[in-house]
């Protein structure tokens, strides 16, 4: 990456490129690395939201690697594994929302955070999902994946925080509504 004023040791380290980017590589949108930063808009933040939702759903960053150059290439070129392949408890609706947020082409992402909020609020009843589900079924000629498994969904990597929340709320175990 030409023009970096700070050597990057880890992908988690902020990159400061001459007049271009101050971000963590793993959360940056592809367009933040191309075009000299011109024309960036809120869709770059929506990509970062997609990365965060992917991490919360799977316990792993979709572009994770110890070498920042590999992370850089993954952000630019690799499509992350589908959420359902990593965590079958994720609904097809949520999987599609996250992968729309992670689209390499910003024009393929939601246009705004307001649009994301509207789709999430309406859920599977949203016009966006109705059209998307029809398209997926038509392309795959299969019904959308529905796996019957327990609905207890873990918050991966948050055991200490969950224990504090249970203690503060009086909940004795993750399965009981009240201790």
C-alpha atoms as a PDB file:
ATOM      1  CA  UNK A   1       0.000   0.000   0.000  1.00  0.00           C
ATOM      2  CA  UNK A   2       1.949   2.973  -1.241  1.00  0.00           C
ATOM      3  CA  UNK A   3       1.884   6.187   0.744  1.00  0.00           C
ATOM      4  CA  UNK A   4       1.389   4.672   4.200  1.00  0.00           C
ATOM      5  CA  UNK A   5       2.961   6.912   6.795  1.00  0.00           C
ATOM      6  CA  UNK A   6       2.690   4.314   9.567  1.00  0.00           C
ATOM      7  CA  UNK A   7       3.917   0.737   9.160  1.00  0.00           C
ATOM      8  CA  UNK A   8       1.117  -1.750   9.797  1.00  0.00           C
ATOM      9  CA  UNK A   9       1.992  -4.647  12.066  1.00  0.00           C
ATOM     10  CA  UNK A  10      -1.485  -6.098  12.646  1.00  0.00           C
ATOM     11  CA  UNK A  11      -4.773  -5.803  10.769  1.00  0.00           C
ATOM     12  CA  UNK A  12      -6.347  -4.409  13.935  1.00  0.00           C
ATOM     13  CA  UNK A  13      -3.948  -1.453  13.785  1.00  0.00           C
ATOM     14  CA  UNK A  14      -5.286   1.761  12.346  1.00  0.00           C
ATOM     15  CA  UNK A  15      -3.852   2.646   8.964  1.00  0.00           C
ATOM     16  CA  UNK A  16      -3.050   6.237   8.226  1.00  0.00           C
ATOM     17  CA  UNK A  17      -2.511   6.691   4.509  1.00  0.00           C
ATOM     18  CA  UNK A  18      -1.622  10.096   3.148  1.00  0.00           C
ATOM     19  CA  UNK A  19      -4.956  11.887   3.048  1.00  0.00           C
ATOM     20  CA  UNK A  20      -6.940   8.697   2.456  1.00  0.00           C
ATOM     21  CA  UNK A  21      -7.913   6.436   5.293  1.00  0.00           C
ATOM     22  CA  UNK A  22      -7.994   6.238   9.028  1.00  0.00           C
ATOM     23  CA  UNK A  23      -9.631   2.913   9.794  1.00  0.00           C
ATOM     24  CA  UNK A  24      -9.144  -0.671  10.780  1.00  0.00           C
ATOM     25  CA  UNK A  25      -8.487  -2.688   7.644  1.00  0.00           C
ATOM     26  CA  UNK A  26     -10.910  -5.426   8.675  1.00  0.00           C
ATOM     27  CA  UNK A  27     -13.824  -2.962   8.804  1.00  0.00           C
ATOM     28  CA  UNK A  28     -12.972  -0.829   5.783  1.00  0.00           C
ATOM     29  CA  UNK A  29     -15.116  -0.991   2.662  1.00  0.00           C
ATOM     30  CA  UNK A  30     -13.438  -1.878  -0.639  1.00  0.00           C
ATOM     31  CA  UNK A  31     -14.040   1.607  -2.030  1.00  0.00           C
ATOM     32  CA  UNK A  32     -11.952   3.083   0.790  1.00  0.00           C
ATOM     33  CA  UNK A  33      -8.884   1.514  -0.846  1.00  0.00           C
ATOM     34  CA  UNK A  34      -9.596   2.629  -4.382  1.00  0.00           C
ATOM     35  CA  UNK A  35     -10.223   5.930  -6.101  1.00  0.00           C
ATOM     36  CA  UNK A  36      -8.204   8.060  -3.695  1.00  0.00           C
ATOM     37  CA  UNK A  37     -11.111   8.283  -1.269  1.00  0.00           C
ATOM     38  CA  UNK A  38     -13.221  10.341  -3.672  1.00  0.00           C
ATOM     39  CA  UNK A  39     -16.954   9.822  -3.597  1.00  0.00           C
ATOM     40  CA  UNK A  40     -17.040   7.965  -0.284  1.00  0.00           C
ATOM     41  CA  UNK A  41     -20.433   8.034   1.382  1.00  0.00           C
ATOM     42  CA  UNK A  42     -22.397   6.363   4.157  1.00  0.00           C
ATOM     43  CA  UNK A  43     -22.417   3.041   2.347  1.00  0.00           C
ATOM     44  CA  UNK A  44     -18.821   2.524   3.550  1.00  0.00           C
ATOM     45  CA  UNK A  45     -20.199   2.658   7.101  1.00  0.00           C
ATOM     46  CA  UNK A  46     -22.913   0.175   6.121  1.00  0.00           C
ATOM     47  CA  UNK A  47     -20.167  -2.214   4.993  1.00  0.00           C
ATOM     48  CA  UNK A  48     -18.572  -1.862   8.452  1.00  0.00           C
ATOM     49  CA  UNK A  49     -21.969  -2.625  10.001  1.00  0.00           C
ATOM     50  CA  UNK A  50     -22.106  -5.773   7.872  1.00  0.00           C
ATOM     51  CA  UNK A  51     -18.680  -6.826   9.175  1.00  0.00           C
ATOM     52  CA  UNK A  52     -19.827  -6.255  12.762  1.00  0.00           C
ATOM     53  CA  UNK A  53     -23.059  -8.228  12.263  1.00  0.00           C
ATOM     54  CA  UNK A  54     -21.066 -11.035  10.606  1.00  0.00           C
ATOM     55  CA  UNK A  55     -18.738 -11.139  13.632  1.00  0.00           C
ATOM     56  CA  UNK A  56     -21.641 -11.171  16.098  1.00  0.00           C
ATOM     57  CA  UNK A  57     -23.290 -14.015  14.172  1.00  0.00           C
ATOM     58  CA  UNK A  58     -20.228 -16.194  13.621  1.00  0.00           C
ATOM     59  CA  UNK A  59     -17.615 -15.194  16.187  1.00  0.00           C
ATOM     60  CA  UNK A  60     -15.115 -14.363  13.444  1.00  0.00           C
ATOM     61  CA  UNK A  61     -14.255 -11.436  11.221  1.00  0.00           C
ATOM     62  CA  UNK A  62     -14.960 -12.334   7.571  1.00  0.00           C
ATOM     63  CA  UNK A  63     -11.551 -10.985   6.479  1.00  0.00           C
ATOM     64  CA  UNK A  64      -9.446 -12.164   9.448  1.00  0.00           C
ATOM     65  CA  UNK A  65      -5.764 -12.911   8.925  1.00  0.00           C
ATOM     66  CA  UNK A  66      -2.517 -12.135  10.720  1.00  0.00           C
ATOM     67  CA  UNK A  67      -1.016 -10.547   7.598  1.00  0.00           C
ATOM     68  CA  UNK A  68      -2.468  -7.120   6.774  1.00  0.00           C
ATOM     69  CA  UNK A  69      -1.767  -7.672   3.060  1.00  0.00           C
ATOM     70  CA  UNK A  70      -4.038 -10.741   3.075  1.00  0.00           C
ATOM     71  CA  UNK A  71      -6.750  -8.780   4.910  1.00  0.00           C
ATOM     72  CA  UNK A  72      -6.417  -6.014   2.306  1.00  0.00           C
ATOM     73  CA  UNK A  73      -6.863  -8.487  -0.560  1.00  0.00           C
ATOM     74  CA  UNK A  74      -9.788 -10.224   1.151  1.00  0.00           C
ATOM     75  CA  UNK A  75     -11.616  -6.927   1.692  1.00  0.00           C
ATOM     76  CA  UNK A  76     -11.111  -6.053  -1.976  1.00  0.00           C
ATOM     77  CA  UNK A  77     -11.751  -9.408  -3.642  1.00  0.00           C
ATOM     78  CA  UNK A  78     -13.086 -12.240  -1.468  1.00  0.00           C
ATOM     79  CA  UNK A  79     -16.752 -12.812  -0.782  1.00  0.00           C
ATOM     80  CA  UNK A  80     -17.141 -13.975   2.842  1.00  0.00           C
ATOM     81  CA  UNK A  81     -18.622 -17.427   3.497  1.00  0.00           C
ATOM     82  CA  UNK A  82     -22.381 -17.342   3.784  1.00  0.00           C
ATOM     83  CA  UNK A  83     -23.589 -16.875   7.355  1.00  0.00           C
ATOM     84  CA  UNK A  84     -25.775 -19.973   7.158  1.00  0.00           C
ATOM     85  CA  UNK A  85     -22.738 -22.088   6.284  1.00  0.00           C
ATOM     86  CA  UNK A  86     -20.941 -20.868   9.397  1.00  0.00           C
ATOM     87  CA  UNK A  87     -23.930 -20.623  11.755  1.00  0.00           C
ATOM     88  CA  UNK A  88     -27.037 -22.555  10.623  1.00  0.00           C
ATOM     89  CA  UNK A  89     -29.157 -20.784  13.260  1.00  0.00           C
ATOM     90  CA  UNK A  90     -29.044 -17.581  11.220  1.00  0.00           C
ATOM     91  CA  UNK A  91     -32.245 -17.016   9.273  1.00  0.00           C
ATOM     92  CA  UNK A  92     -32.076 -16.680   5.489  1.00  0.00           C
ATOM     93  CA  UNK A  93     -33.484 -13.152   5.898  1.00  0.00           C
ATOM     94  CA  UNK A  94     -30.737 -11.994   8.260  1.00  0.00           C
ATOM     95  CA  UNK A  95     -28.081 -13.774   6.199  1.00  0.00           C
ATOM     96  CA  UNK A  96     -29.186 -11.855   3.111  1.00  0.00           C
ATOM     97  CA  UNK A  97     -29.251  -8.519   4.969  1.00  0.00           C
ATOM     98  CA  UNK A  98     -25.664  -9.056   6.173  1.00  0.00           C
ATOM     99  CA  UNK A  99     -24.388 -10.168   2.776  1.00  0.00           C
ATOM    100  CA  UNK A 100     -26.073  -7.190   1.135  1.00  0.00           C
ATOM    101  CA  UNK A 101     -24.202  -4.951   3.579  1.00  0.00           C
ATOM    102  CA  UNK A 102     -20.955  -6.760   2.695  1.00  0.00           C
ATOM    103  CA  UNK A 103     -21.354  -6.338  -1.072  1.00  0.00           C
ATOM    104  CA  UNK A 104     -18.088  -5.355  -2.774  1.00  0.00           C
ATOM    105  CA  UNK A 105     -19.947  -2.950  -5.069  1.00  0.00           C
ATOM    106  CA  UNK A 106     -21.374  -0.175  -2.899  1.00  0.00           C
ATOM    107  CA  UNK A 107     -24.263   0.256  -5.348  1.00  0.00           C
ATOM    108  CA  UNK A 108     -25.366  -3.293  -4.447  1.00  0.00           C
ATOM    109  CA  UNK A 109     -25.606  -2.344  -0.738  1.00  0.00           C
ATOM    110  CA  UNK A 110     -28.540  -0.629   0.896  1.00  0.00           C
ATOM    111  CA  UNK A 111     -28.644   3.045  -0.066  1.00  0.00           C
ATOM    112  CA  UNK A 112     -28.780   4.312   3.514  1.00  0.00           C
ATOM    113  CA  UNK A 113     -28.928   3.348   7.172  1.00  0.00           C
ATOM    114  CA  UNK A 114     -32.602   4.362   7.065  1.00  0.00           C
ATOM    115  CA  UNK A 115     -33.217   1.695   4.423  1.00  0.00           C
ATOM    116  CA  UNK A 116     -31.447  -0.933   6.569  1.00  0.00           C
ATOM    117  CA  UNK A 117     -33.494   0.066   9.621  1.00  0.00           C
ATOM    118  CA  UNK A 118     -36.745  -0.138   7.629  1.00  0.00           C
ATOM    119  CA  UNK A 119     -35.926  -3.611   6.319  1.00  0.00           C
ATOM    120  CA  UNK A 120     -34.903  -4.854   9.767  1.00  0.00           C
ATOM    121  CA  UNK A 121     -38.021  -3.381  11.353  1.00  0.00           C
ATOM    122  CA  UNK A 122     -40.328  -5.022   8.794  1.00  0.00           C
ATOM    123  CA  UNK A 123     -38.317  -8.250   8.844  1.00  0.00           C
ATOM    124  CA  UNK A 124     -39.484 -11.019   6.575  1.00  0.00           C
ATOM    125  CA  UNK A 125     -42.609  -8.974   5.771  1.00  0.00           C
ATOM    126  CA  UNK A 126     -40.546  -6.258   4.071  1.00  0.00           C
ATOM    127  CA  UNK A 127     -40.970  -5.674   0.330  1.00  0.00           C
ATOM    128  CA  UNK A 128     -37.161  -5.928   0.041  1.00  0.00           C
ATOM    129  CA  UNK A 129     -37.169  -9.457   1.470  1.00  0.00           C
ATOM    130  CA  UNK A 130     -40.195 -10.554  -0.567  1.00  0.00           C
ATOM    131  CA  UNK A 131     -38.415  -9.593  -3.792  1.00  0.00           C
ATOM    132  CA  UNK A 132     -35.088 -10.984  -2.629  1.00  0.00           C
ATOM    133  CA  UNK A 133     -36.580 -14.322  -1.496  1.00  0.00           C
ATOM    134  CA  UNK A 134     -38.352 -14.751  -4.860  1.00  0.00           C
ATOM    135  CA  UNK A 135     -35.080 -14.045  -6.648  1.00  0.00           C
ATOM    136  CA  UNK A 136     -33.143 -16.538  -4.500  1.00  0.00           C
ATOM    137  CA  UNK A 137     -35.772 -19.266  -4.944  1.00  0.00           C
ATOM    138  CA  UNK A 138     -35.830 -18.637  -8.690  1.00  0.00           C
ATOM    139  CA  UNK A 139     -32.053 -18.765  -9.014  1.00  0.00           C
ATOM    140  CA  UNK A 140     -31.568 -21.873  -6.859  1.00  0.00           C
ATOM    141  CA  UNK A 141     -34.849 -23.652  -7.693  1.00  0.00           C
ATOM    142  CA  UNK A 142     -34.985 -24.662  -4.010  1.00  0.00           C
ATOM    143  CA  UNK A 143     -36.917 -23.384  -1.023  1.00  0.00           C
ATOM    144  CA  UNK A 144     -35.009 -21.157   1.352  1.00  0.00           C
ATOM    145  CA  UNK A 145     -33.037 -23.017   3.965  1.00  0.00           C
ATOM    146  CA  UNK A 146     -34.935 -23.747   7.144  1.00  0.00           C
ATOM    147  CA  UNK A 147     -33.012 -25.760   9.688  1.00  0.00           C
ATOM    148  CA  UNK A 148     -34.812 -26.889  12.829  1.00  0.00           C
ATOM    149  CA  UNK A 149     -32.348 -26.489  15.651  1.00  0.00           C
ATOM    150  CA  UNK A 150     -32.622 -25.041  19.147  1.00  0.00           C
ATOM    151  CA  UNK A 151     -33.195 -21.296  19.040  1.00  0.00           C
ATOM    152  CA  UNK A 152     -30.842 -20.502  21.922  1.00  0.00           C
ATOM    153  CA  UNK A 153     -28.273 -18.355  20.121  1.00  0.00           C
ATOM    154  CA  UNK A 154     -24.956 -17.745  21.814  1.00  0.00           C
ATOM    155  CA  UNK A 155     -23.299 -14.366  21.944  1.00  0.00           C
ATOM    156  CA  UNK A 156     -19.884 -15.615  20.963  1.00  0.00           C
ATOM    157  CA  UNK A 157     -16.981 -14.298  22.994  1.00  0.00           C
ATOM    158  CA  UNK A 158     -19.175 -12.408  25.470  1.00  0.00           C
ATOM    159  CA  UNK A 159     -19.334 -14.880  28.390  1.00  0.00           C
ATOM    160  CA  UNK A 160     -18.023 -12.410  30.974  1.00  0.00           C
ATOM    161  CA  UNK A 161     -20.413  -9.672  29.860  1.00  0.00           C
ATOM    162  CA  UNK A 162     -23.355 -12.081  29.817  1.00  0.00           C
ATOM    163  CA  UNK A 163     -22.498 -13.285  33.339  1.00  0.00           C
ATOM    164  CA  UNK A 164     -22.517  -9.662  34.556  1.00  0.00           C
ATOM    165  CA  UNK A 165     -25.865  -9.022  32.866  1.00  0.00           C
ATOM    166  CA  UNK A 166     -27.372 -12.172  34.380  1.00  0.00           C
ATOM    167  CA  UNK A 167     -26.065 -11.212  37.822  1.00  0.00           C
ATOM    168  CA  UNK A 168     -27.410  -7.662  37.520  1.00  0.00           C
ATOM    169  CA  UNK A 169     -30.835  -8.856  36.344  1.00  0.00           C
ATOM    170  CA  UNK A 170     -31.178 -11.757  38.758  1.00  0.00           C
ATOM    171  CA  UNK A 171     -31.155 -14.411  36.041  1.00  0.00           C
ATOM    172  CA  UNK A 172     -29.341 -17.472  37.364  1.00  0.00           C
ATOM    173  CA  UNK A 173     -28.745 -19.332  34.117  1.00  0.00           C
ATOM    174  CA  UNK A 174     -28.875 -18.523  30.425  1.00  0.00           C
ATOM    175  CA  UNK A 175     -31.871 -20.846  29.983  1.00  0.00           C
ATOM    176  CA  UNK A 176     -34.118 -19.710  32.817  1.00  0.00           C
ATOM    177  CA  UNK A 177     -36.154 -16.498  32.512  1.00  0.00           C
ATOM    178  CA  UNK A 178     -35.750 -15.630  36.200  1.00  0.00           C
ATOM    179  CA  UNK A 179     -33.518 -17.109  38.848  1.00  0.00           C
END
